[in-house]
């Protein structure tokens, strides 16, 4: 019998019985309403959870709760990070999972910096990006609505003048963008050119992180959308 997604997560969860880890698990639960799950064999989970708490604090409790995420899984079995292959984390229903290697090897790509000196780390950008997917879906797939699609000229079908991104990293599967975009449009980075929902989540992450390199039209979109959740 094939195991469900939930069954696989439950069977791999590590028993959290040290006081430092439990402290952060309870703190994140009490302040953000998130259940924390940690896979077996993870090193220094309390240090990772402390960083996660700091990132969630940057998002803010009202906005975290508005994302509709119920569980946050820290996985130590996803393999090493790669700059272009999307194995840093993922969103599934009401669960966000993040690759522990993101914390052990927190590279800072050039496109996570901008001309004003603002920056974000891989763990921060990844976690906020995945929560962005949660907010998007929880509020009716805003990334597929006209108000967002027109900001980058998104189209599900080929049209004259539009492009589709192709990413090939050695040792990883070929990644082909699911949608077509206007090459004149502004994006946070290459990854946002895959489709409208990754463009939405990536712009969400850059906006929350305070990066001035978030395209102005998209920053204005989020400023209006998220104003009631932020102080």
C-alpha atoms as a PDB file:
ATOM      1  CA  UNK A   1       0.000   0.000   0.000  1.00  0.00           C
ATOM      2  CA  UNK A   2       1.407   3.353  -1.049  1.00  0.00           C
ATOM      3  CA  UNK A   3       2.089   5.745   1.822  1.00  0.00           C
ATOM      4  CA  UNK A   4       0.422   9.130   1.770  1.00  0.00           C
ATOM      5  CA  UNK A   5       2.377  12.375   2.071  1.00  0.00           C
ATOM      6  CA  UNK A   6       1.254  12.732   5.703  1.00  0.00           C
ATOM      7  CA  UNK A   7       2.267   9.141   6.523  1.00  0.00           C
ATOM      8  CA  UNK A   8       5.770   9.667   5.121  1.00  0.00           C
ATOM      9  CA  UNK A   9       6.239  12.802   7.194  1.00  0.00           C
ATOM     10  CA  UNK A  10       5.007  11.126  10.391  1.00  0.00           C
ATOM     11  CA  UNK A  11       7.246   8.080   9.944  1.00  0.00           C
ATOM     12  CA  UNK A  12      10.355  10.214   9.490  1.00  0.00           C
ATOM     13  CA  UNK A  13       9.817  12.620  12.375  1.00  0.00           C
ATOM     14  CA  UNK A  14      12.464  12.697  15.058  1.00  0.00           C
ATOM     15  CA  UNK A  15      11.378  12.560  18.709  1.00  0.00           C
ATOM     16  CA  UNK A  16      12.140  15.968  20.159  1.00  0.00           C
ATOM     17  CA  UNK A  17      13.196  15.379  23.744  1.00  0.00           C
ATOM     18  CA  UNK A  18      15.950  17.912  24.455  1.00  0.00           C
ATOM     19  CA  UNK A  19      15.045  21.073  26.350  1.00  0.00           C
ATOM     20  CA  UNK A  20      16.665  23.562  23.932  1.00  0.00           C
ATOM     21  CA  UNK A  21      14.716  22.210  20.963  1.00  0.00           C
ATOM     22  CA  UNK A  22      11.457  21.990  22.881  1.00  0.00           C
ATOM     23  CA  UNK A  23      11.850  25.596  24.003  1.00  0.00           C
ATOM     24  CA  UNK A  24      11.826  26.850  20.387  1.00  0.00           C
ATOM     25  CA  UNK A  25       9.119  24.407  19.318  1.00  0.00           C
ATOM     26  CA  UNK A  26       6.790  25.745  22.007  1.00  0.00           C
ATOM     27  CA  UNK A  27       7.761  29.369  21.371  1.00  0.00           C
ATOM     28  CA  UNK A  28       7.020  29.100  17.649  1.00  0.00           C
ATOM     29  CA  UNK A  29       3.743  27.303  18.378  1.00  0.00           C
ATOM     30  CA  UNK A  30       2.611  29.884  20.929  1.00  0.00           C
ATOM     31  CA  UNK A  31       3.543  32.988  18.918  1.00  0.00           C
ATOM     32  CA  UNK A  32       2.877  31.869  15.335  1.00  0.00           C
ATOM     33  CA  UNK A  33       0.495  28.923  15.665  1.00  0.00           C
ATOM     34  CA  UNK A  34       2.810  26.550  13.805  1.00  0.00           C
ATOM     35  CA  UNK A  35       3.415  22.893  14.601  1.00  0.00           C
ATOM     36  CA  UNK A  36       7.110  22.046  14.167  1.00  0.00           C
ATOM     37  CA  UNK A  37       8.220  18.655  12.813  1.00  0.00           C
ATOM     38  CA  UNK A  38      11.885  17.660  12.526  1.00  0.00           C
ATOM     39  CA  UNK A  39      13.133  14.647  10.554  1.00  0.00           C
ATOM     40  CA  UNK A  40      15.453  12.072  12.103  1.00  0.00           C
ATOM     41  CA  UNK A  41      19.197  12.580  12.131  1.00  0.00           C
ATOM     42  CA  UNK A  42      19.095  16.381  12.092  1.00  0.00           C
ATOM     43  CA  UNK A  43      22.057  18.099  13.740  1.00  0.00           C
ATOM     44  CA  UNK A  44      21.630  21.053  16.146  1.00  0.00           C
ATOM     45  CA  UNK A  45      17.873  21.453  15.581  1.00  0.00           C
ATOM     46  CA  UNK A  46      17.610  24.106  18.306  1.00  0.00           C
ATOM     47  CA  UNK A  47      19.978  26.406  16.389  1.00  0.00           C
ATOM     48  CA  UNK A  48      17.936  26.037  13.206  1.00  0.00           C
ATOM     49  CA  UNK A  49      14.692  26.658  15.092  1.00  0.00           C
ATOM     50  CA  UNK A  50      16.156  29.802  16.636  1.00  0.00           C
ATOM     51  CA  UNK A  51      16.913  31.099  13.134  1.00  0.00           C
ATOM     52  CA  UNK A  52      13.432  30.117  11.967  1.00  0.00           C
ATOM     53  CA  UNK A  53      11.934  32.047  14.870  1.00  0.00           C
ATOM     54  CA  UNK A  54      13.915  35.137  13.852  1.00  0.00           C
ATOM     55  CA  UNK A  55      12.710  34.843  10.262  1.00  0.00           C
ATOM     56  CA  UNK A  56       9.085  34.370  11.301  1.00  0.00           C
ATOM     57  CA  UNK A  57       9.403  37.432  13.541  1.00  0.00           C
ATOM     58  CA  UNK A  58      10.473  39.430  10.497  1.00  0.00           C
ATOM     59  CA  UNK A  59       7.317  38.336   8.675  1.00  0.00           C
ATOM     60  CA  UNK A  60       5.226  39.120  11.745  1.00  0.00           C
ATOM     61  CA  UNK A  61       2.691  36.927  13.540  1.00  0.00           C
ATOM     62  CA  UNK A  62      -0.426  38.405  11.835  1.00  0.00           C
ATOM     63  CA  UNK A  63       0.976  37.779   8.359  1.00  0.00           C
ATOM     64  CA  UNK A  64       2.354  34.323   9.259  1.00  0.00           C
ATOM     65  CA  UNK A  65      -1.103  33.282  10.436  1.00  0.00           C
ATOM     66  CA  UNK A  66      -2.698  34.781   7.311  1.00  0.00           C
ATOM     67  CA  UNK A  67      -0.620  32.391   5.169  1.00  0.00           C
ATOM     68  CA  UNK A  68      -2.726  29.430   6.307  1.00  0.00           C
ATOM     69  CA  UNK A  69       0.298  27.261   7.174  1.00  0.00           C
ATOM     70  CA  UNK A  70      -0.298  24.738   9.969  1.00  0.00           C
ATOM     71  CA  UNK A  71       2.935  22.719   9.986  1.00  0.00           C
ATOM     72  CA  UNK A  72       6.573  23.590   9.387  1.00  0.00           C
ATOM     73  CA  UNK A  73       8.848  20.615   8.648  1.00  0.00           C
ATOM     74  CA  UNK A  74      12.637  20.906   8.913  1.00  0.00           C
ATOM     75  CA  UNK A  75      14.022  18.148   6.708  1.00  0.00           C
ATOM     76  CA  UNK A  76      17.515  16.710   6.851  1.00  0.00           C
ATOM     77  CA  UNK A  77      16.982  14.279   3.977  1.00  0.00           C
ATOM     78  CA  UNK A  78      16.618  16.563   0.953  1.00  0.00           C
ATOM     79  CA  UNK A  79      20.283  16.560  -0.062  1.00  0.00           C
ATOM     80  CA  UNK A  80      22.652  19.477  -0.675  1.00  0.00           C
ATOM     81  CA  UNK A  81      21.563  22.883  -1.878  1.00  0.00           C
ATOM     82  CA  UNK A  82      22.115  23.837  -5.493  1.00  0.00           C
ATOM     83  CA  UNK A  83      21.859  27.413  -6.775  1.00  0.00           C
ATOM     84  CA  UNK A  84      19.393  26.697  -9.591  1.00  0.00           C
ATOM     85  CA  UNK A  85      17.703  23.418  -8.766  1.00  0.00           C
ATOM     86  CA  UNK A  86      14.689  23.963  -6.462  1.00  0.00           C
ATOM     87  CA  UNK A  87      15.494  21.700  -3.515  1.00  0.00           C
ATOM     88  CA  UNK A  88      15.648  24.399  -0.834  1.00  0.00           C
ATOM     89  CA  UNK A  89      12.084  23.926   0.377  1.00  0.00           C
ATOM     90  CA  UNK A  90       8.507  23.459  -0.751  1.00  0.00           C
ATOM     91  CA  UNK A  91       4.876  24.203   0.048  1.00  0.00           C
ATOM     92  CA  UNK A  92       2.201  21.486   0.039  1.00  0.00           C
ATOM     93  CA  UNK A  93      -1.382  22.143   1.175  1.00  0.00           C
ATOM     94  CA  UNK A  94      -0.982  23.676   4.668  1.00  0.00           C
ATOM     95  CA  UNK A  95       2.603  22.444   5.169  1.00  0.00           C
ATOM     96  CA  UNK A  96       5.905  24.190   4.489  1.00  0.00           C
ATOM     97  CA  UNK A  97       9.080  22.088   4.461  1.00  0.00           C
ATOM     98  CA  UNK A  98      12.578  23.539   4.423  1.00  0.00           C
ATOM     99  CA  UNK A  99      15.868  21.794   3.656  1.00  0.00           C
ATOM    100  CA  UNK A 100      18.139  21.786   6.719  1.00  0.00           C
ATOM    101  CA  UNK A 101      21.134  22.108   4.393  1.00  0.00           C
ATOM    102  CA  UNK A 102      19.860  25.603   3.638  1.00  0.00           C
ATOM    103  CA  UNK A 103      20.882  26.516   7.194  1.00  0.00           C
ATOM    104  CA  UNK A 104      24.114  24.522   7.223  1.00  0.00           C
ATOM    105  CA  UNK A 105      25.269  26.077   3.913  1.00  0.00           C
ATOM    106  CA  UNK A 106      23.545  29.480   3.828  1.00  0.00           C
ATOM    107  CA  UNK A 107      24.977  30.851   0.583  1.00  0.00           C
ATOM    108  CA  UNK A 108      24.116  34.420  -0.357  1.00  0.00           C
ATOM    109  CA  UNK A 109      23.714  34.678  -4.140  1.00  0.00           C
ATOM    110  CA  UNK A 110      24.473  37.979  -5.828  1.00  0.00           C
ATOM    111  CA  UNK A 111      20.790  38.514  -6.595  1.00  0.00           C
ATOM    112  CA  UNK A 112      19.999  38.478  -2.869  1.00  0.00           C
ATOM    113  CA  UNK A 113      21.807  41.828  -2.569  1.00  0.00           C
ATOM    114  CA  UNK A 114      20.899  45.180  -4.077  1.00  0.00           C
ATOM    115  CA  UNK A 115      22.403  48.569  -4.732  1.00  0.00           C
ATOM    116  CA  UNK A 116      21.304  49.951  -1.348  1.00  0.00           C
ATOM    117  CA  UNK A 117      23.213  47.269   0.558  1.00  0.00           C
ATOM    118  CA  UNK A 118      20.139  45.389   1.678  1.00  0.00           C
ATOM    119  CA  UNK A 119      20.432  41.613   1.643  1.00  0.00           C
ATOM    120  CA  UNK A 120      18.744  38.393   2.620  1.00  0.00           C
ATOM    121  CA  UNK A 121      20.119  34.912   3.310  1.00  0.00           C
ATOM    122  CA  UNK A 122      19.119  31.674   1.610  1.00  0.00           C
ATOM    123  CA  UNK A 123      17.227  30.382   4.700  1.00  0.00           C
ATOM    124  CA  UNK A 124      15.326  33.639   5.089  1.00  0.00           C
ATOM    125  CA  UNK A 125      14.470  33.999   1.413  1.00  0.00           C
ATOM    126  CA  UNK A 126      13.446  30.345   1.097  1.00  0.00           C
ATOM    127  CA  UNK A 127      11.197  30.307   4.145  1.00  0.00           C
ATOM    128  CA  UNK A 128       9.458  33.576   3.273  1.00  0.00           C
ATOM    129  CA  UNK A 129       9.071  32.435  -0.345  1.00  0.00           C
ATOM    130  CA  UNK A 130       7.296  29.237   0.742  1.00  0.00           C
ATOM    131  CA  UNK A 131       5.033  31.125   3.138  1.00  0.00           C
ATOM    132  CA  UNK A 132       4.253  33.386   0.184  1.00  0.00           C
ATOM    133  CA  UNK A 133       2.957  30.343  -1.689  1.00  0.00           C
ATOM    134  CA  UNK A 134       0.783  29.616   1.329  1.00  0.00           C
ATOM    135  CA  UNK A 135      -0.681  33.127   1.406  1.00  0.00           C
ATOM    136  CA  UNK A 136      -1.261  33.033  -2.344  1.00  0.00           C
ATOM    137  CA  UNK A 137      -3.198  29.759  -2.218  1.00  0.00           C
ATOM    138  CA  UNK A 138      -4.980  30.538   1.044  1.00  0.00           C
ATOM    139  CA  UNK A 139      -6.388  33.708  -0.515  1.00  0.00           C
ATOM    140  CA  UNK A 140      -7.627  32.188  -3.749  1.00  0.00           C
ATOM    141  CA  UNK A 141      -4.505  31.956  -5.956  1.00  0.00           C
ATOM    142  CA  UNK A 142      -3.879  35.680  -6.335  1.00  0.00           C
ATOM    143  CA  UNK A 143      -0.948  34.826  -8.622  1.00  0.00           C
ATOM    144  CA  UNK A 144      -3.390  33.737 -11.330  1.00  0.00           C
ATOM    145  CA  UNK A 145      -5.549  36.867 -11.212  1.00  0.00           C
ATOM    146  CA  UNK A 146      -5.339  39.636 -13.843  1.00  0.00           C
ATOM    147  CA  UNK A 147      -4.010  42.194 -11.336  1.00  0.00           C
ATOM    148  CA  UNK A 148      -0.842  40.089 -10.957  1.00  0.00           C
ATOM    149  CA  UNK A 149      -0.546  38.550 -14.422  1.00  0.00           C
ATOM    150  CA  UNK A 150      -0.349  41.897 -16.179  1.00  0.00           C
ATOM    151  CA  UNK A 151       2.641  43.032 -14.086  1.00  0.00           C
ATOM    152  CA  UNK A 152       4.906  40.625 -16.022  1.00  0.00           C
ATOM    153  CA  UNK A 153       2.767  39.905 -19.068  1.00  0.00           C
ATOM    154  CA  UNK A 154       2.225  36.281 -18.009  1.00  0.00           C
ATOM    155  CA  UNK A 155       0.581  33.895 -20.467  1.00  0.00           C
ATOM    156  CA  UNK A 156      -0.018  30.144 -20.285  1.00  0.00           C
ATOM    157  CA  UNK A 157       0.306  29.887 -24.066  1.00  0.00           C
ATOM    158  CA  UNK A 158       3.016  31.148 -26.480  1.00  0.00           C
ATOM    159  CA  UNK A 159       2.476  34.625 -27.849  1.00  0.00           C
ATOM    160  CA  UNK A 160       4.607  36.857 -30.076  1.00  0.00           C
ATOM    161  CA  UNK A 161       7.396  38.556 -28.099  1.00  0.00           C
ATOM    162  CA  UNK A 162       7.028  36.408 -24.972  1.00  0.00           C
ATOM    163  CA  UNK A 163       9.750  34.107 -23.606  1.00  0.00           C
ATOM    164  CA  UNK A 164       9.975  30.961 -21.489  1.00  0.00           C
ATOM    165  CA  UNK A 165      12.925  30.294 -19.184  1.00  0.00           C
ATOM    166  CA  UNK A 166      15.073  27.138 -19.396  1.00  0.00           C
ATOM    167  CA  UNK A 167      17.399  26.219 -16.489  1.00  0.00           C
ATOM    168  CA  UNK A 168      20.021  23.494 -16.801  1.00  0.00           C
ATOM    169  CA  UNK A 169      22.314  22.877 -13.848  1.00  0.00           C
ATOM    170  CA  UNK A 170      24.884  20.040 -14.095  1.00  0.00           C
ATOM    171  CA  UNK A 171      23.661  16.931 -12.301  1.00  0.00           C
ATOM    172  CA  UNK A 172      20.084  18.182 -11.954  1.00  0.00           C
ATOM    173  CA  UNK A 173      16.938  17.711 -14.042  1.00  0.00           C
ATOM    174  CA  UNK A 174      16.186  20.242 -16.767  1.00  0.00           C
ATOM    175  CA  UNK A 175      13.809  22.945 -15.523  1.00  0.00           C
ATOM    176  CA  UNK A 176      11.557  24.576 -18.123  1.00  0.00           C
ATOM    177  CA  UNK A 177       9.291  27.462 -17.209  1.00  0.00           C
ATOM    178  CA  UNK A 178       5.603  26.573 -17.090  1.00  0.00           C
ATOM    179  CA  UNK A 179       4.496  29.965 -18.429  1.00  0.00           C
ATOM    180  CA  UNK A 180       5.590  32.686 -20.845  1.00  0.00           C
ATOM    181  CA  UNK A 181       6.556  36.218 -19.779  1.00  0.00           C
ATOM    182  CA  UNK A 182       7.294  39.622 -21.254  1.00  0.00           C
ATOM    183  CA  UNK A 183      11.116  39.984 -21.500  1.00  0.00           C
ATOM    184  CA  UNK A 184      10.717  43.695 -20.730  1.00  0.00           C
ATOM    185  CA  UNK A 185       9.160  42.921 -17.353  1.00  0.00           C
ATOM    186  CA  UNK A 186      11.164  43.283 -14.123  1.00  0.00           C
ATOM    187  CA  UNK A 187      11.752  40.272 -11.859  1.00  0.00           C
ATOM    188  CA  UNK A 188      13.383  39.602  -8.501  1.00  0.00           C
ATOM    189  CA  UNK A 189      15.720  36.979 -10.033  1.00  0.00           C
ATOM    190  CA  UNK A 190      15.830  34.198 -12.654  1.00  0.00           C
ATOM    191  CA  UNK A 191      13.696  31.774 -10.602  1.00  0.00           C
ATOM    192  CA  UNK A 192      10.707  34.119 -10.643  1.00  0.00           C
ATOM    193  CA  UNK A 193      10.531  33.771 -14.436  1.00  0.00           C
ATOM    194  CA  UNK A 194       9.278  30.171 -14.222  1.00  0.00           C
ATOM    195  CA  UNK A 195       5.604  30.974 -13.727  1.00  0.00           C
ATOM    196  CA  UNK A 196       3.252  33.528 -12.204  1.00  0.00           C
ATOM    197  CA  UNK A 197       3.003  31.783  -8.818  1.00  0.00           C
ATOM    198  CA  UNK A 198       6.771  31.608  -8.282  1.00  0.00           C
ATOM    199  CA  UNK A 199       7.009  35.222  -9.446  1.00  0.00           C
ATOM    200  CA  UNK A 200       4.370  36.050  -6.814  1.00  0.00           C
ATOM    201  CA  UNK A 201       6.074  34.120  -3.981  1.00  0.00           C
ATOM    202  CA  UNK A 202       9.539  35.420  -4.853  1.00  0.00           C
ATOM    203  CA  UNK A 203       8.354  39.014  -5.018  1.00  0.00           C
ATOM    204  CA  UNK A 204       6.576  38.443  -1.691  1.00  0.00           C
ATOM    205  CA  UNK A 205       9.865  37.250  -0.165  1.00  0.00           C
ATOM    206  CA  UNK A 206      11.916  40.143  -1.532  1.00  0.00           C
ATOM    207  CA  UNK A 207       9.290  42.641  -0.375  1.00  0.00           C
ATOM    208  CA  UNK A 208       9.100  41.194   3.161  1.00  0.00           C
ATOM    209  CA  UNK A 209      12.910  41.003   3.360  1.00  0.00           C
ATOM    210  CA  UNK A 210      13.072  44.696   2.484  1.00  0.00           C
ATOM    211  CA  UNK A 211      15.089  44.299  -0.704  1.00  0.00           C
ATOM    212  CA  UNK A 212      14.958  47.412  -2.839  1.00  0.00           C
ATOM    213  CA  UNK A 213      15.583  45.173  -5.853  1.00  0.00           C
ATOM    214  CA  UNK A 214      11.981  43.995  -5.643  1.00  0.00           C
ATOM    215  CA  UNK A 215      10.469  45.497  -8.838  1.00  0.00           C
ATOM    216  CA  UNK A 216       8.669  48.735  -8.043  1.00  0.00           C
ATOM    217  CA  UNK A 217       5.330  47.722  -9.550  1.00  0.00           C
ATOM    218  CA  UNK A 218       5.357  44.481  -7.558  1.00  0.00           C
ATOM    219  CA  UNK A 219       6.485  46.199  -4.341  1.00  0.00           C
ATOM    220  CA  UNK A 220       3.550  48.605  -4.724  1.00  0.00           C
ATOM    221  CA  UNK A 221       1.205  45.637  -5.236  1.00  0.00           C
ATOM    222  CA  UNK A 222       2.346  44.024  -1.967  1.00  0.00           C
ATOM    223  CA  UNK A 223       2.409  47.292  -0.059  1.00  0.00           C
ATOM    224  CA  UNK A 224      -1.300  47.668  -0.748  1.00  0.00           C
ATOM    225  CA  UNK A 225      -2.144  43.979  -0.293  1.00  0.00           C
ATOM    226  CA  UNK A 226      -0.293  43.429   2.992  1.00  0.00           C
ATOM    227  CA  UNK A 227      -0.767  46.794   4.694  1.00  0.00           C
ATOM    228  CA  UNK A 228      -3.311  45.429   7.201  1.00  0.00           C
ATOM    229  CA  UNK A 229      -0.901  42.720   8.386  1.00  0.00           C
ATOM    230  CA  UNK A 230       2.160  44.901   8.954  1.00  0.00           C
ATOM    231  CA  UNK A 231       2.905  47.579  11.522  1.00  0.00           C
END
